[in-house]
Amino acid sequence: MFHEVDWSLVWKATGETVYMVGISTFFTALFGIPLGILLVVTDRGQLAAQPWLQKIVAVFVNFFRAVPFIVLVLFLFPVAQFLVGTTLGPTAATIPLIAGAAPFYARMVETAVREVDKGVIEAARAMGSTKWRVVMRVLLPEATPALVSGLTVTCVTLISFSAMAGVVGGGGLGDAAYRFGFQSFNNSMLVVCGILLVLLVQIVQWGGDRLSRRLDKR
């Protein structure tokens, strides 16, 4: 069955998918964590209550969460062209991947931070900790296991998104499955690419779950 598979192409596509997902996960965490913290600390009754700012951030996050990913890819073509000089390939695909995943992860960060025991926060404030120190020394450390779990879920979602991005020229396993599998009537190629995507999901989920359990001190 697998004699019709171009393995050099498969491994190249796998590398592109890992590259896309890795870069996108990094920047998703880089943007998503501050956005999630802002959603919490600027809310009413929180550390730095600024309800107007919280509403602006919430609208921004909700807008990008509401747009279907395939529409977001097409919508951000000009942005990718401006930032990386092309709308094709795995580097260009990271732009919509980050734009789609960062707001999603921001809501997970918000949920994780809101679950931190208020007594711990009040104790830190009573000991004279600044708002910045409360965020860095209390909120983030206490929420770390949940943040890792959320990032794991987001990374798995990014693997799925990367396959969709491949269909519109993003490269990776999605592109290989579509062009060299589906369009070429090569079922073996289609099956292999699908199996590799599932394996990537399993590896990420296993690693994320294990890390989250190790960080959980409860």
Protein backbone atom coordinates (compact mmCIF):
# COMPACT_ATOMS: atom_id res chain seq x y z
CA MET A 1 0.00 0.00 0.00
CA PHE A 2 2.75 2.44 0.98
CA HIS A 3 4.87 1.98 -2.15
CA GLU A 4 3.06 5.02 -3.65
CA VAL A 5 4.18 7.27 -0.82
CA ASP A 6 6.91 9.84 -1.50
CA TRP A 7 8.65 9.62 1.88
CA SER A 8 11.05 12.49 1.24
CA LEU A 9 8.03 14.71 0.61
CA VAL A 10 6.27 13.36 3.70
CA TRP A 11 9.22 14.11 6.01
CA LYS A 12 9.63 17.58 4.50
CA ALA A 13 5.94 18.27 5.07
CA THR A 14 6.19 16.93 8.64
CA GLY A 15 9.09 19.30 9.33
CA GLU A 16 7.05 22.22 7.97
CA THR A 17 4.11 21.32 10.21
CA VAL A 18 6.34 21.07 13.30
CA TYR A 19 7.91 24.43 12.36
CA MET A 20 4.52 26.11 11.89
CA VAL A 21 3.06 24.72 15.10
CA GLY A 22 6.21 25.39 17.14
CA ILE A 23 6.54 29.05 16.08
CA SER A 24 2.79 29.63 16.42
CA THR A 25 2.64 28.04 19.89
CA PHE A 26 5.50 30.22 21.12
CA PHE A 27 3.92 33.47 19.92
CA THR A 28 0.47 32.34 21.03
CA ALA A 29 1.80 32.03 24.58
CA LEU A 30 3.73 35.31 24.23
CA PHE A 31 0.58 37.24 23.27
CA GLY A 32 -2.09 35.12 24.93
CA ILE A 33 -0.75 35.24 28.50
CA PRO A 34 -0.65 39.07 28.72
CA LEU A 35 -4.07 39.32 27.08
CA GLY A 36 -5.55 36.79 29.53
CA ILE A 37 -4.02 38.56 32.53
CA LEU A 38 -5.34 41.91 31.27
CA LEU A 39 -8.83 40.42 31.03
CA VAL A 40 -8.62 39.55 34.73
CA VAL A 41 -6.70 42.34 36.45
CA THR A 42 -8.57 45.17 34.68
CA ASP A 43 -12.00 43.76 35.56
CA ARG A 44 -14.16 45.31 38.27
CA GLY A 45 -12.89 44.63 41.79
CA GLN A 46 -9.53 43.30 40.57
CA LEU A 47 -5.94 44.47 41.08
CA ALA A 48 -5.93 47.21 38.45
CA ALA A 49 -9.63 47.74 37.78
CA GLN A 50 -10.16 49.57 34.49
CA PRO A 51 -13.53 48.29 33.19
CA TRP A 52 -13.27 50.31 29.95
CA LEU A 53 -9.92 48.70 29.11
CA GLN A 54 -11.23 45.26 30.02
CA LYS A 55 -14.14 45.72 27.63
CA ILE A 56 -11.84 46.80 24.78
CA VAL A 57 -9.58 43.77 25.29
CA ALA A 58 -12.63 41.46 25.55
CA VAL A 59 -14.08 42.78 22.27
CA PHE A 60 -10.71 42.35 20.53
CA VAL A 61 -10.36 38.77 21.81
CA ASN A 62 -13.96 37.85 20.98
CA PHE A 63 -13.68 39.25 17.45
CA PHE A 64 -10.78 36.99 16.49
CA ARG A 65 -12.32 34.00 18.28
CA ALA A 66 -15.55 34.44 16.33
CA VAL A 67 -13.98 34.53 12.84
CA PRO A 68 -13.75 31.05 11.25
CA PHE A 69 -10.11 30.09 10.76
CA ILE A 70 -10.28 29.63 6.99
CA VAL A 71 -11.78 33.14 6.69
CA LEU A 72 -9.04 34.48 8.95
CA VAL A 73 -6.39 32.96 6.67
CA LEU A 74 -7.84 34.76 3.64
CA PHE A 75 -8.43 37.97 5.61
CA LEU A 76 -4.78 38.10 6.76
CA PHE A 77 -3.19 37.46 3.37
CA PRO A 78 -2.20 41.17 3.05
CA VAL A 79 -0.71 41.13 6.57
CA ALA A 80 1.37 38.04 5.77
CA GLN A 81 2.51 39.65 2.51
CA PHE A 82 3.58 42.77 4.42
CA LEU A 83 5.34 40.96 7.28
CA VAL A 84 7.10 38.07 5.52
CA GLY A 85 6.93 39.07 1.85
CA THR A 86 4.70 36.21 0.71
CA THR A 87 1.31 34.61 1.31
CA LEU A 88 2.56 31.08 0.66
CA GLY A 89 4.57 28.65 2.75
CA PRO A 90 4.81 27.74 6.43
CA THR A 91 6.23 31.10 7.59
CA ALA A 92 3.32 33.01 6.06
CA ALA A 93 0.88 30.51 7.59
CA THR A 94 2.09 31.33 11.11
CA ILE A 95 0.44 34.79 10.89
CA PRO A 96 -3.19 33.56 10.79
CA LEU A 97 -2.30 30.65 13.09
CA ILE A 98 -1.14 33.07 15.80
CA ALA A 99 -4.05 35.45 15.18
CA GLY A 100 -6.52 32.58 15.55
CA ALA A 101 -4.92 30.84 18.54
CA ALA A 102 -3.73 33.72 20.76
CA PRO A 103 -7.27 34.99 21.60
CA PHE A 104 -8.41 31.39 22.17
CA TYR A 105 -5.55 30.84 24.61
CA ALA A 106 -6.14 34.25 26.24
CA ARG A 107 -9.56 33.05 27.41
CA MET A 108 -7.96 29.91 28.84
CA VAL A 109 -5.42 32.07 30.67
CA GLU A 110 -8.26 34.21 32.00
CA THR A 111 -10.07 31.14 33.37
CA ALA A 112 -6.87 29.78 34.95
CA VAL A 113 -5.99 33.07 36.65
CA ARG A 114 -9.54 33.64 37.94
CA GLU A 115 -9.35 30.26 39.70
CA VAL A 116 -6.37 31.35 41.84
CA ASP A 117 -7.39 31.46 45.52
CA LYS A 118 -8.28 35.04 46.42
CA GLY A 119 -6.91 34.46 49.91
CA VAL A 120 -3.41 34.01 48.49
CA ILE A 121 -3.73 37.27 46.56
CA GLU A 122 -5.00 39.16 49.61
CA ALA A 123 -2.16 37.76 51.74
CA ALA A 124 0.41 38.97 49.20
CA ARG A 125 -1.18 42.42 49.10
CA ALA A 126 -1.26 42.57 52.92
CA MET A 127 2.50 41.91 52.98
CA GLY A 128 3.06 44.96 50.77
CA SER A 129 3.49 43.29 47.38
CA THR A 130 3.00 45.59 44.41
CA LYS A 131 0.43 44.73 41.74
CA TRP A 132 3.22 43.68 39.40
CA ARG A 133 4.72 41.34 42.01
CA VAL A 134 1.30 39.84 42.73
CA VAL A 135 0.92 39.02 39.04
CA MET A 136 4.47 37.66 38.65
CA ARG A 137 4.92 35.94 42.03
CA VAL A 138 1.37 34.82 42.85
CA LEU A 139 -1.04 34.69 39.90
CA LEU A 140 1.28 33.17 37.29
CA PRO A 141 2.98 30.56 39.54
CA GLU A 142 -0.34 29.47 41.06
CA ALA A 143 -1.97 29.17 37.64
CA THR A 144 1.00 27.49 35.90
CA PRO A 145 -0.41 23.90 35.73
CA ALA A 146 -3.65 25.20 34.21
CA LEU A 147 -1.70 27.45 31.84
CA VAL A 148 0.31 24.46 30.60
CA SER A 149 -2.86 22.39 30.14
CA GLY A 150 -4.45 25.24 28.21
CA LEU A 151 -1.39 25.66 26.02
CA THR A 152 -1.44 21.92 25.30
CA VAL A 153 -5.04 22.14 24.10
CA THR A 154 -4.15 25.21 22.05
CA CYS A 155 -1.14 23.45 20.49
CA VAL A 156 -3.37 20.52 19.47
CA THR A 157 -5.79 23.02 17.92
CA LEU A 158 -2.88 24.61 16.05
CA ILE A 159 -1.99 21.24 14.52
CA SER A 160 -5.54 21.05 13.17
CA PHE A 161 -5.40 24.67 11.98
CA SER A 162 -2.04 24.05 10.27
CA ALA A 163 -3.63 21.28 8.20
CA MET A 164 -6.35 23.70 7.06
CA ALA A 165 -3.74 26.38 6.29
CA GLY A 166 -1.94 23.84 4.10
CA VAL A 167 -4.96 23.60 1.82
CA VAL A 168 -4.56 27.29 0.89
CA GLY A 169 -0.80 27.18 0.34
CA GLY A 170 0.56 27.04 3.87
CA GLY A 171 2.64 23.92 3.32
CA GLY A 172 3.00 21.09 5.81
CA LEU A 173 1.10 17.84 6.07
CA GLY A 174 -2.22 19.46 5.17
CA ASP A 175 -0.78 20.68 1.87
CA ALA A 176 0.83 17.28 1.15
CA ALA A 177 -2.40 15.42 1.96
CA TYR A 178 -4.46 17.72 -0.25
CA ARG A 179 -2.18 18.14 -3.28
CA PHE A 180 -0.29 14.86 -3.39
CA GLY A 181 -2.95 12.73 -1.75
CA PHE A 182 -6.49 13.91 -2.51
CA GLN A 183 -5.91 15.77 -5.79
CA SER A 184 -3.55 13.08 -7.11
CA PHE A 185 -5.90 10.23 -6.12
CA ASN A 186 -3.10 8.82 -3.96
CA ASN A 187 -4.90 7.30 -0.98
CA SER A 188 -1.66 6.03 0.54
CA MET A 189 -0.29 9.57 0.78
CA LEU A 190 -3.55 10.77 2.27
CA VAL A 191 -3.54 8.03 4.92
CA VAL A 192 0.13 8.54 5.88
CA CYS A 193 -0.32 12.31 6.30
CA GLY A 194 -3.42 11.72 8.40
CA ILE A 195 -1.63 9.19 10.62
CA LEU A 196 1.29 11.57 11.16
CA LEU A 197 -1.07 14.40 12.17
CA VAL A 198 -2.73 12.09 14.70
CA LEU A 199 0.69 11.04 16.05
CA LEU A 200 1.71 14.68 16.47
CA VAL A 201 -1.48 15.34 18.44
CA GLN A 202 -0.84 12.32 20.68
CA ILE A 203 2.77 13.35 21.36
CA VAL A 204 1.82 16.93 22.22
CA GLN A 205 -1.08 15.84 24.43
CA TRP A 206 1.03 13.27 26.28
CA GLY A 207 3.90 15.71 26.84
CA GLY A 208 1.61 18.53 27.94
CA ASP A 209 -0.35 16.34 30.37
CA ARG A 210 2.84 14.98 31.89
CA LEU A 211 4.35 18.44 32.36
CA SER A 212 1.14 19.81 33.86
CA ARG A 213 1.01 16.96 36.41
CA ARG A 214 4.63 17.55 37.41
CA LEU A 215 4.01 21.27 37.94
CA ASP A 216 0.86 20.71 40.00
CA LYS A 217 1.91 20.81 43.65
CA ARG A 218 -1.53 19.96 45.02
